[in-house]
Amino acid sequence: MNTSRAGEMARYGLAEARRSVQALRPQLLEENELCAALDGLIRKMTSGTNLQGGLLLQGNPRALPDNWNEHLLRIAQEVLTNTLRHANAAHFSARLVFDSNALQLELRDDGECFDLQQKRGFGLLGIRERAGEIGGELQIHSAPGEGTIIGCAAFCANIQNQCNQLLKPILRSQSEYSWPTITPSSSKD
């Protein structure tokens, strides 16, 4: 078999594996709405680590299409995984903001930054693709002494385009979540 054919087969296999993984609905979303699923994800992934994590909910939560919930949860999962593996951070925070026109998910750590121009694995590519799937815009900021901030914003018009039902309120209060104070510093303990 020549190398061209082997490369083609490997790319096809990788694409199939990605489709299979994306087809799996996260168990956290089977049992909870997005806010509780994000909170559970952060608690589960930071348990037993030195990373302190928290979620802040702002605005009036509303029901989202299932694919939005899945993409937002997977974005948070990938960012938190990268924080745990690479950032050497002490704090991780997620902020989910519902307002009348948009939904915003901000993920922040106080760890080591990374070079946005450097070629990386599939994590950031997957995050960009997921943001695009919901019609969202993705912004990434990573700088020495400031950690990393990844923000995804999607507009309500995109929700209405994907879901023809009225948005339903989610019964979840902001007071149920703890929010760690993060103050970026250039020195590490």
N, C-alpha and C. Protein backbone atom coordinates (compact mmCIF):
# COMPACT_ATOMS: atom_id res chain seq x y z
N MET A 1 0.86 -1.17 0.00
CA MET A 1 0.00 0.00 0.00
C MET A 1 0.91 1.24 0.00
N ASN A 2 0.61 2.20 -0.86
CA ASN A 2 1.45 3.39 -0.90
C ASN A 2 1.09 4.37 0.21
N THR A 3 1.98 5.31 0.50
CA THR A 3 1.78 6.24 1.63
C THR A 3 0.60 7.18 1.38
N SER A 4 0.33 7.50 0.15
CA SER A 4 -0.81 8.37 -0.16
C SER A 4 -2.12 7.70 0.23
N ARG A 5 -2.24 6.44 -0.13
CA ARG A 5 -3.45 5.67 0.20
C ARG A 5 -3.56 5.45 1.71
N ALA A 6 -2.45 5.18 2.36
CA ALA A 6 -2.46 4.99 3.82
C ALA A 6 -2.90 6.27 4.52
N GLY A 7 -2.40 7.41 4.07
CA GLY A 7 -2.80 8.69 4.65
C GLY A 7 -4.28 8.96 4.44
N GLU A 8 -4.78 8.63 3.27
CA GLU A 8 -6.20 8.82 2.97
C GLU A 8 -7.06 7.94 3.88
N MET A 9 -6.66 6.71 4.08
CA MET A 9 -7.40 5.79 4.95
C MET A 9 -7.36 6.26 6.40
N ALA A 10 -6.22 6.77 6.84
CA ALA A 10 -6.10 7.27 8.21
C ALA A 10 -7.01 8.47 8.42
N ARG A 11 -7.05 9.39 7.44
CA ARG A 11 -7.93 10.56 7.56
C ARG A 11 -9.39 10.13 7.59
N TYR A 12 -9.76 9.16 6.77
CA TYR A 12 -11.13 8.67 6.77
C TYR A 12 -11.47 8.04 8.11
N GLY A 13 -10.56 7.22 8.64
CA GLY A 13 -10.79 6.58 9.94
C GLY A 13 -10.95 7.60 11.06
N LEU A 14 -10.12 8.64 11.03
CA LEU A 14 -10.21 9.69 12.03
C LEU A 14 -11.54 10.43 11.92
N ALA A 15 -11.96 10.73 10.71
CA ALA A 15 -13.24 11.41 10.51
C ALA A 15 -14.40 10.56 11.02
N GLU A 16 -14.34 9.27 10.77
CA GLU A 16 -15.39 8.36 11.26
C GLU A 16 -15.39 8.29 12.78
N ALA A 17 -14.21 8.23 13.37
CA ALA A 17 -14.12 8.20 14.84
C ALA A 17 -14.70 9.48 15.43
N ARG A 18 -14.40 10.62 14.83
CA ARG A 18 -14.96 11.88 15.32
C ARG A 18 -16.48 11.89 15.22
N ARG A 19 -17.01 11.42 14.10
CA ARG A 19 -18.47 11.39 13.95
C ARG A 19 -19.10 10.50 15.02
N SER A 20 -18.47 9.39 15.31
CA SER A 20 -18.99 8.48 16.33
C SER A 20 -18.98 9.12 17.71
N VAL A 21 -17.88 9.79 18.04
CA VAL A 21 -17.77 10.43 19.34
C VAL A 21 -18.79 11.56 19.45
N GLN A 22 -18.94 12.35 18.40
CA GLN A 22 -19.89 13.45 18.43
C GLN A 22 -21.33 12.96 18.55
N ALA A 23 -21.59 11.77 18.07
CA ALA A 23 -22.95 11.24 18.12
C ALA A 23 -23.36 10.82 19.54
N LEU A 24 -22.38 10.61 20.40
CA LEU A 24 -22.68 10.21 21.76
C LEU A 24 -23.16 11.41 22.56
N ARG A 25 -24.33 11.32 23.12
CA ARG A 25 -24.85 12.42 23.94
C ARG A 25 -24.24 12.29 25.34
N PRO A 26 -23.67 13.37 25.84
CA PRO A 26 -23.07 13.31 27.17
C PRO A 26 -24.09 12.91 28.23
N GLN A 27 -23.69 12.00 29.11
CA GLN A 27 -24.59 11.53 30.17
C GLN A 27 -25.03 12.68 31.06
N LEU A 28 -24.15 13.64 31.30
CA LEU A 28 -24.52 14.78 32.14
C LEU A 28 -25.74 15.51 31.57
N LEU A 29 -25.88 15.54 30.25
CA LEU A 29 -27.03 16.21 29.65
C LEU A 29 -28.26 15.30 29.59
N GLU A 30 -28.07 14.01 29.71
CA GLU A 30 -29.21 13.10 29.77
C GLU A 30 -29.96 13.29 31.09
N GLU A 31 -29.22 13.66 32.12
CA GLU A 31 -29.80 13.76 33.46
C GLU A 31 -30.06 15.19 33.92
N ASN A 32 -29.50 16.21 33.23
CA ASN A 32 -29.58 17.59 33.68
C ASN A 32 -29.72 18.55 32.51
N GLU A 33 -30.12 19.79 32.84
CA GLU A 33 -30.07 20.84 31.83
C GLU A 33 -28.64 21.38 31.80
N LEU A 34 -28.36 22.30 30.87
CA LEU A 34 -26.99 22.74 30.62
C LEU A 34 -26.31 23.30 31.86
N CYS A 35 -26.98 24.15 32.61
CA CYS A 35 -26.34 24.79 33.79
C CYS A 35 -25.86 23.75 34.78
N ALA A 36 -26.71 22.81 35.12
CA ALA A 36 -26.33 21.76 36.07
C ALA A 36 -25.28 20.83 35.47
N ALA A 37 -25.36 20.59 34.16
CA ALA A 37 -24.37 19.73 33.51
C ALA A 37 -22.99 20.39 33.54
N LEU A 38 -22.92 21.69 33.27
CA LEU A 38 -21.64 22.40 33.35
C LEU A 38 -21.09 22.36 34.77
N ASP A 39 -21.94 22.62 35.75
CA ASP A 39 -21.51 22.59 37.14
C ASP A 39 -20.99 21.19 37.51
N GLY A 40 -21.72 20.16 37.11
CA GLY A 40 -21.29 18.79 37.39
C GLY A 40 -19.99 18.44 36.70
N LEU A 41 -19.81 18.90 35.46
CA LEU A 41 -18.58 18.65 34.72
C LEU A 41 -17.39 19.27 35.44
N ILE A 42 -17.53 20.51 35.85
CA ILE A 42 -16.43 21.21 36.53
C ILE A 42 -16.11 20.52 37.85
N ARG A 43 -17.14 20.17 38.60
CA ARG A 43 -16.90 19.49 39.89
C ARG A 43 -16.21 18.15 39.68
N LYS A 44 -16.68 17.38 38.72
CA LYS A 44 -16.13 16.03 38.47
C LYS A 44 -14.69 16.12 37.98
N MET A 45 -14.42 17.02 37.04
CA MET A 45 -13.08 17.07 36.45
C MET A 45 -12.04 17.69 37.38
N THR A 46 -12.46 18.55 38.30
CA THR A 46 -11.49 19.18 39.21
C THR A 46 -11.35 18.44 40.54
N SER A 47 -12.25 17.49 40.79
CA SER A 47 -12.19 16.72 42.03
C SER A 47 -10.87 15.96 42.09
N GLY A 48 -10.19 16.05 43.21
CA GLY A 48 -8.93 15.34 43.39
C GLY A 48 -7.75 16.02 42.72
N THR A 49 -7.94 17.23 42.21
CA THR A 49 -6.84 17.99 41.60
C THR A 49 -6.58 19.23 42.46
N ASN A 50 -5.55 19.96 42.11
CA ASN A 50 -5.26 21.23 42.78
C ASN A 50 -5.99 22.40 42.14
N LEU A 51 -6.75 22.12 41.11
CA LEU A 51 -7.47 23.17 40.39
C LEU A 51 -8.80 23.45 41.06
N GLN A 52 -9.04 24.70 41.43
CA GLN A 52 -10.33 25.11 41.98
C GLN A 52 -11.19 25.60 40.82
N GLY A 53 -12.42 25.11 40.76
CA GLY A 53 -13.28 25.49 39.66
C GLY A 53 -14.63 25.97 40.14
N GLY A 54 -15.29 26.75 39.30
CA GLY A 54 -16.61 27.24 39.65
C GLY A 54 -17.37 27.70 38.42
N LEU A 55 -18.67 27.84 38.60
CA LEU A 55 -19.56 28.29 37.53
C LEU A 55 -20.39 29.45 38.04
N LEU A 56 -20.52 30.47 37.22
CA LEU A 56 -21.38 31.60 37.51
C LEU A 56 -22.46 31.65 36.43
N LEU A 57 -23.69 31.72 36.85
CA LEU A 57 -24.81 31.82 35.94
C LEU A 57 -25.36 33.23 36.04
N GLN A 58 -25.52 33.90 34.92
CA GLN A 58 -26.07 35.25 34.90
C GLN A 58 -27.23 35.30 33.92
N GLY A 59 -28.24 36.08 34.27
CA GLY A 59 -29.39 36.23 33.40
C GLY A 59 -30.44 35.19 33.68
N ASN A 60 -31.43 35.15 32.82
CA ASN A 60 -32.54 34.20 32.95
C ASN A 60 -32.32 33.02 32.01
N PRO A 61 -31.90 31.87 32.56
CA PRO A 61 -31.65 30.70 31.70
C PRO A 61 -32.90 30.31 30.91
N ARG A 62 -32.66 29.78 29.75
CA ARG A 62 -33.75 29.31 28.90
C ARG A 62 -33.35 27.99 28.28
N ALA A 63 -34.35 27.27 27.86
CA ALA A 63 -34.08 26.00 27.19
C ALA A 63 -33.39 26.28 25.86
N LEU A 64 -32.44 25.43 25.53
CA LEU A 64 -31.70 25.55 24.28
C LEU A 64 -31.90 24.27 23.48
N PRO A 65 -31.73 24.34 22.18
CA PRO A 65 -31.76 23.12 21.38
C PRO A 65 -30.71 22.13 21.89
N ASP A 66 -31.01 20.85 21.80
CA ASP A 66 -30.09 19.82 22.31
C ASP A 66 -28.68 19.96 21.74
N ASN A 67 -28.58 20.26 20.45
CA ASN A 67 -27.24 20.35 19.87
C ASN A 67 -26.45 21.53 20.46
N TRP A 68 -27.13 22.61 20.84
CA TRP A 68 -26.45 23.72 21.50
C TRP A 68 -25.91 23.27 22.86
N ASN A 69 -26.74 22.59 23.63
CA ASN A 69 -26.29 22.09 24.94
C ASN A 69 -25.07 21.20 24.80
N GLU A 70 -25.11 20.29 23.84
CA GLU A 70 -24.00 19.37 23.64
C GLU A 70 -22.73 20.09 23.22
N HIS A 71 -22.85 21.00 22.27
CA HIS A 71 -21.67 21.72 21.81
C HIS A 71 -21.07 22.59 22.92
N LEU A 72 -21.91 23.28 23.67
CA LEU A 72 -21.40 24.13 24.75
C LEU A 72 -20.74 23.30 25.85
N LEU A 73 -21.35 22.17 26.19
CA LEU A 73 -20.75 21.30 27.21
C LEU A 73 -19.41 20.74 26.73
N ARG A 74 -19.35 20.32 25.47
CA ARG A 74 -18.11 19.76 24.93
C ARG A 74 -17.02 20.83 24.81
N ILE A 75 -17.40 22.07 24.48
CA ILE A 75 -16.42 23.16 24.46
C ILE A 75 -15.83 23.33 25.85
N ALA A 76 -16.69 23.40 26.86
CA ALA A 76 -16.21 23.55 28.24
C ALA A 76 -15.34 22.37 28.64
N GLN A 77 -15.71 21.17 28.26
CA GLN A 77 -14.94 19.97 28.59
C GLN A 77 -13.54 20.03 27.97
N GLU A 78 -13.47 20.43 26.72
CA GLU A 78 -12.17 20.50 26.04
C GLU A 78 -11.28 21.58 26.66
N VAL A 79 -11.86 22.74 26.95
CA VAL A 79 -11.08 23.82 27.55
C VAL A 79 -10.59 23.42 28.94
N LEU A 80 -11.46 22.81 29.73
CA LEU A 80 -11.06 22.37 31.08
C LEU A 80 -10.00 21.27 31.00
N THR A 81 -10.12 20.38 30.06
CA THR A 81 -9.11 19.34 29.85
C THR A 81 -7.76 19.97 29.53
N ASN A 82 -7.76 20.96 28.64
CA ASN A 82 -6.51 21.64 28.30
C ASN A 82 -5.93 22.38 29.51
N THR A 83 -6.80 22.98 30.31
CA THR A 83 -6.33 23.67 31.52
C THR A 83 -5.65 22.68 32.45
N LEU A 84 -6.27 21.54 32.67
CA LEU A 84 -5.70 20.53 33.56
C LEU A 84 -4.40 19.96 33.02
N ARG A 85 -4.31 19.74 31.73
CA ARG A 85 -3.13 19.12 31.13
C ARG A 85 -1.96 20.07 30.96
N HIS A 86 -2.25 21.31 30.57
CA HIS A 86 -1.17 22.17 30.09
C HIS A 86 -0.96 23.47 30.86
N ALA A 87 -1.97 23.99 31.53
CA ALA A 87 -1.89 25.37 32.01
C ALA A 87 -1.21 25.54 33.37
N ASN A 88 -1.14 24.48 34.16
CA ASN A 88 -0.60 24.60 35.52
C ASN A 88 -1.32 25.71 36.28
N ALA A 89 -2.64 25.73 36.16
CA ALA A 89 -3.47 26.79 36.75
C ALA A 89 -3.92 26.41 38.15
N ALA A 90 -4.24 27.43 38.94
CA ALA A 90 -4.80 27.23 40.27
C ALA A 90 -6.33 27.37 40.25
N HIS A 91 -6.84 28.16 39.30
CA HIS A 91 -8.29 28.43 39.23
C HIS A 91 -8.80 28.29 37.81
N PHE A 92 -10.03 27.80 37.70
CA PHE A 92 -10.75 27.72 36.44
C PHE A 92 -12.16 28.20 36.72
N SER A 93 -12.68 29.05 35.85
CA SER A 93 -14.04 29.50 36.04
C SER A 93 -14.79 29.49 34.71
N ALA A 94 -16.06 29.20 34.82
CA ALA A 94 -16.96 29.25 33.67
C ALA A 94 -18.06 30.24 34.01
N ARG A 95 -18.39 31.07 33.05
CA ARG A 95 -19.48 32.02 33.24
C ARG A 95 -20.44 31.84 32.07
N LEU A 96 -21.69 31.53 32.39
CA LEU A 96 -22.73 31.33 31.39
C LEU A 96 -23.71 32.48 31.52
N VAL A 97 -23.84 33.28 30.47
CA VAL A 97 -24.65 34.49 30.52
C VAL A 97 -25.79 34.36 29.51
N PHE A 98 -27.01 34.48 30.04
CA PHE A 98 -28.19 34.53 29.19
C PHE A 98 -28.70 35.97 29.21
N ASP A 99 -28.79 36.60 28.06
CA ASP A 99 -29.48 37.89 28.02
C ASP A 99 -30.52 37.83 26.91
N SER A 100 -31.21 38.92 26.68
CA SER A 100 -32.33 38.87 25.74
C SER A 100 -31.88 38.64 24.31
N ASN A 101 -30.64 38.95 23.99
CA ASN A 101 -30.18 38.84 22.61
C ASN A 101 -29.15 37.75 22.36
N ALA A 102 -28.50 37.28 23.42
CA ALA A 102 -27.38 36.38 23.20
C ALA A 102 -27.15 35.45 24.37
N LEU A 103 -26.37 34.43 24.10
CA LEU A 103 -25.88 33.49 25.11
C LEU A 103 -24.36 33.57 25.02
N GLN A 104 -23.71 33.69 26.17
CA GLN A 104 -22.25 33.74 26.20
C GLN A 104 -21.72 32.70 27.17
N LEU A 105 -20.68 32.02 26.76
CA LEU A 105 -19.97 31.10 27.62
C LEU A 105 -18.52 31.57 27.66
N GLU A 106 -18.07 31.94 28.86
CA GLU A 106 -16.69 32.38 29.03
C GLU A 106 -15.99 31.38 29.94
N LEU A 107 -14.84 30.89 29.49
CA LEU A 107 -14.05 29.92 30.22
C LEU A 107 -12.68 30.55 30.46
N ARG A 108 -12.25 30.56 31.72
CA ARG A 108 -11.06 31.32 32.10
C ARG A 108 -10.21 30.52 33.08
N ASP A 109 -8.89 30.59 32.88
CA ASP A 109 -7.97 30.04 33.87
C ASP A 109 -6.88 31.06 34.16
N ASP A 110 -6.18 30.85 35.26
CA ASP A 110 -5.08 31.74 35.64
C ASP A 110 -3.73 31.07 35.44
N GLY A 111 -3.68 30.16 34.49
CA GLY A 111 -2.46 29.38 34.26
C GLY A 111 -1.53 29.99 33.24
N GLU A 112 -0.62 29.14 32.78
CA GLU A 112 0.35 29.54 31.78
C GLU A 112 -0.35 29.75 30.44
N CYS A 113 0.10 30.74 29.71
CA CYS A 113 -0.52 31.04 28.42
C CYS A 113 0.04 30.10 27.35
N PHE A 114 -0.52 30.19 26.16
CA PHE A 114 0.01 29.45 25.03
C PHE A 114 0.02 30.35 23.81
N ASP A 115 0.83 30.00 22.84
CA ASP A 115 0.97 30.78 21.61
C ASP A 115 -0.15 30.38 20.66
N LEU A 116 -1.01 31.34 20.35
CA LEU A 116 -2.15 31.07 19.47
C LEU A 116 -1.72 30.75 18.05
N GLN A 117 -0.54 31.17 17.66
CA GLN A 117 -0.05 30.95 16.30
C GLN A 117 0.57 29.57 16.12
N GLN A 118 0.93 28.93 17.23
CA GLN A 118 1.58 27.62 17.16
C GLN A 118 0.58 26.55 16.75
N LYS A 119 0.99 25.70 15.83
CA LYS A 119 0.14 24.59 15.38
C LYS A 119 -0.09 23.65 16.55
N ARG A 120 -1.33 23.30 16.81
CA ARG A 120 -1.69 22.45 17.94
C ARG A 120 -2.46 21.25 17.45
N GLY A 121 -2.90 20.45 18.39
CA GLY A 121 -3.71 19.27 18.08
C GLY A 121 -5.10 19.66 17.62
N PHE A 122 -6.04 18.80 17.87
CA PHE A 122 -7.39 19.00 17.37
C PHE A 122 -8.31 19.71 18.35
N GLY A 123 -7.84 19.99 19.56
CA GLY A 123 -8.69 20.59 20.58
C GLY A 123 -9.28 21.93 20.18
N LEU A 124 -8.41 22.89 19.82
CA LEU A 124 -8.91 24.21 19.44
C LEU A 124 -9.70 24.16 18.14
N LEU A 125 -9.28 23.29 17.23
CA LEU A 125 -10.04 23.12 15.98
C LEU A 125 -11.45 22.63 16.29
N GLY A 126 -11.56 21.64 17.17
CA GLY A 126 -12.87 21.12 17.56
C GLY A 126 -13.73 22.17 18.25
N ILE A 127 -13.11 23.00 19.09
CA ILE A 127 -13.83 24.07 19.77
C ILE A 127 -14.37 25.06 18.73
N ARG A 128 -13.54 25.44 17.77
CA ARG A 128 -13.98 26.37 16.72
C ARG A 128 -15.14 25.76 15.91
N GLU A 129 -15.01 24.50 15.57
CA GLU A 129 -16.06 23.84 14.79
C GLU A 129 -17.37 23.78 15.58
N ARG A 130 -17.29 23.47 16.86
CA ARG A 130 -18.51 23.41 17.68
C ARG A 130 -19.16 24.79 17.81
N ALA A 131 -18.35 25.82 18.00
CA ALA A 131 -18.91 27.18 18.06
C ALA A 131 -19.60 27.52 16.74
N GLY A 132 -18.98 27.15 15.65
CA GLY A 132 -19.57 27.39 14.33
C GLY A 132 -20.87 26.65 14.12
N GLU A 133 -20.98 25.46 14.67
CA GLU A 133 -22.20 24.65 14.52
C GLU A 133 -23.42 25.32 15.14
N ILE A 134 -23.21 26.16 16.14
CA ILE A 134 -24.35 26.85 16.76
C ILE A 134 -24.44 28.30 16.28
N GLY A 135 -23.67 28.63 15.25
CA GLY A 135 -23.68 29.99 14.74
C GLY A 135 -22.99 30.96 15.67
N GLY A 136 -22.10 30.45 16.49
CA GLY A 136 -21.44 31.27 17.48
C GLY A 136 -20.12 31.86 17.00
N GLU A 137 -19.66 32.83 17.74
CA GLU A 137 -18.37 33.45 17.50
C GLU A 137 -17.45 33.04 18.65
N LEU A 138 -16.23 32.70 18.32
CA LEU A 138 -15.26 32.26 19.33
C LEU A 138 -14.13 33.27 19.42
N GLN A 139 -13.77 33.62 20.64
CA GLN A 139 -12.62 34.49 20.87
C GLN A 139 -11.69 33.81 21.86
N ILE A 140 -10.39 33.91 21.59
CA ILE A 140 -9.39 33.29 22.46
C ILE A 140 -8.35 34.35 22.80
N HIS A 141 -8.08 34.47 24.09
CA HIS A 141 -7.04 35.38 24.57
C HIS A 141 -6.16 34.60 25.53
N SER A 142 -4.86 34.62 25.27
CA SER A 142 -3.91 33.95 26.15
C SER A 142 -2.65 34.80 26.18
N ALA A 143 -2.27 35.23 27.40
CA ALA A 143 -1.11 36.11 27.53
C ALA A 143 -0.39 35.82 28.84
N PRO A 144 0.93 36.03 28.85
CA PRO A 144 1.69 35.81 30.08
C PRO A 144 1.13 36.65 31.23
N GLY A 145 0.96 36.01 32.38
CA GLY A 145 0.45 36.69 33.56
C GLY A 145 -1.05 36.88 33.57
N GLU A 146 -1.72 36.53 32.49
CA GLU A 146 -3.17 36.71 32.41
C GLU A 146 -3.93 35.39 32.25
N GLY A 147 -3.22 34.32 31.98
CA GLY A 147 -3.88 33.04 31.76
C GLY A 147 -4.55 33.01 30.40
N THR A 148 -5.62 32.24 30.32
CA THR A 148 -6.33 32.06 29.06
C THR A 148 -7.81 32.31 29.27
N ILE A 149 -8.41 33.00 28.31
CA ILE A 149 -9.86 33.21 28.29
C ILE A 149 -10.36 32.76 26.93
N ILE A 150 -11.35 31.89 26.95
CA ILE A 150 -11.99 31.45 25.72
C ILE A 150 -13.47 31.79 25.85
N GLY A 151 -13.96 32.57 24.92
CA GLY A 151 -15.35 32.99 24.96
C GLY A 151 -16.09 32.57 23.71
N CYS A 152 -17.30 32.14 23.90
CA CYS A 152 -18.18 31.78 22.79
C CYS A 152 -19.48 32.54 22.97
N ALA A 153 -19.88 33.27 21.94
CA ALA A 153 -21.13 34.02 21.98
C ALA A 153 -22.00 33.58 20.80
N ALA A 154 -23.26 33.34 21.09
CA ALA A 154 -24.22 32.99 20.04
C ALA A 154 -25.47 33.83 20.25
N PHE A 155 -26.08 34.23 19.18
CA PHE A 155 -27.21 35.14 19.27
C PHE A 155 -28.53 34.40 19.24
N CYS A 156 -29.51 34.95 19.93
CA CYS A 156 -30.81 34.31 20.07
C CYS A 156 -31.47 34.04 18.73
N ALA A 157 -31.22 34.87 17.75
CA ALA A 157 -31.79 34.62 16.43
C ALA A 157 -31.33 33.27 15.90
N ASN A 158 -30.09 32.88 16.24
CA ASN A 158 -29.59 31.57 15.83
C ASN A 158 -30.34 30.44 16.52
N ILE A 159 -30.72 30.67 17.78
CA ILE A 159 -31.51 29.67 18.49
C ILE A 159 -32.85 29.50 17.79
N GLN A 160 -33.50 30.61 17.47
CA GLN A 160 -34.81 30.54 16.84
C GLN A 160 -34.74 29.91 15.47
N ASN A 161 -33.64 30.10 14.78
CA ASN A 161 -33.47 29.46 13.48
C ASN A 161 -33.35 27.95 13.63
N GLN A 162 -32.78 27.49 14.73
CA GLN A 162 -32.56 26.05 14.92
C GLN A 162 -33.69 25.38 15.68
N CYS A 163 -34.48 26.12 16.38
CA CYS A 163 -35.50 25.53 17.24
C CYS A 163 -36.79 26.34 17.09
N ASN A 164 -37.84 25.75 16.59
CA ASN A 164 -39.07 26.48 16.31
C ASN A 164 -40.01 26.58 17.49
N GLN A 165 -39.62 26.09 18.64
CA GLN A 165 -40.50 26.19 19.80
C GLN A 165 -40.14 27.39 20.65
N LEU A 166 -41.07 27.83 21.46
CA LEU A 166 -40.78 28.94 22.36
C LEU A 166 -39.74 28.52 23.37
N LEU A 167 -38.89 29.46 23.73
CA LEU A 167 -37.87 29.17 24.73
C LEU A 167 -38.52 29.06 26.09
N LYS A 168 -38.17 28.00 26.81
CA LYS A 168 -38.76 27.75 28.13
C LYS A 168 -37.75 28.09 29.21
N PRO A 169 -38.20 28.68 30.30
CA PRO A 169 -37.25 28.99 31.37
C PRO A 169 -36.76 27.72 32.06
N ILE A 170 -35.53 27.77 32.49
CA ILE A 170 -34.94 26.67 33.26
C ILE A 170 -34.98 27.09 34.72
N LEU A 171 -35.48 26.22 35.56
CA LEU A 171 -35.58 26.55 36.98
C LEU A 171 -34.25 26.28 37.66
N ARG A 172 -33.40 27.27 37.62
CA ARG A 172 -32.09 27.16 38.24
C ARG A 172 -31.70 28.54 38.73
N SER A 173 -31.33 28.68 39.94
CA SER A 173 -31.01 30.02 40.44
C SER A 173 -29.51 30.23 40.50
N GLN A 174 -29.13 31.47 40.35
CA GLN A 174 -27.73 31.85 40.39
C GLN A 174 -27.09 31.52 41.73
N SER A 175 -27.87 31.55 42.79
CA SER A 175 -27.30 31.32 44.12
C SER A 175 -26.84 29.89 44.35
N GLU A 176 -27.20 28.97 43.47
CA GLU A 176 -26.79 27.57 43.64
C GLU A 176 -25.34 27.32 43.24
N TYR A 177 -24.69 28.30 42.61
CA TYR A 177 -23.35 28.09 42.10
C TYR A 177 -22.35 28.95 42.85
N SER A 178 -21.17 28.40 43.04
CA SER A 178 -20.10 29.17 43.66
C SER A 178 -19.20 29.71 42.56
N TRP A 179 -18.62 30.84 42.79
CA TRP A 179 -17.79 31.50 41.80
C TRP A 179 -16.46 31.87 42.44
N PRO A 180 -15.37 31.24 42.03
CA PRO A 180 -14.09 31.56 42.63
C PRO A 180 -13.58 32.90 42.12
N THR A 181 -12.91 33.62 42.97
CA THR A 181 -12.28 34.87 42.57
C THR A 181 -10.95 34.52 41.92
N ILE A 182 -10.76 35.01 40.72
CA ILE A 182 -9.53 34.73 40.01
C ILE A 182 -8.80 36.05 39.79
N THR A 183 -7.59 36.10 40.26
CA THR A 183 -6.76 37.27 40.04
C THR A 183 -5.49 36.79 39.35
N PRO A 184 -5.39 37.05 38.03
CA PRO A 184 -4.21 36.59 37.31
C PRO A 184 -2.94 37.20 37.90
N SER A 185 -1.90 36.41 37.99
CA SER A 185 -0.61 36.90 38.45
C SER A 185 0.47 36.29 37.60
N SER A 186 1.59 36.94 37.53
CA SER A 186 2.67 36.44 36.68
C SER A 186 3.55 35.45 37.41
N SER A 187 3.40 35.33 38.71
CA SER A 187 4.23 34.39 39.46
C SER A 187 3.42 33.16 39.85
N LYS A 188 4.09 32.04 39.87
CA LYS A 188 3.49 30.76 40.25
C LYS A 188 4.04 30.35 41.60
N ASP A 189 3.20 29.77 42.45
CA ASP A 189 3.67 29.30 43.76
C ASP A 189 4.43 28.01 43.61
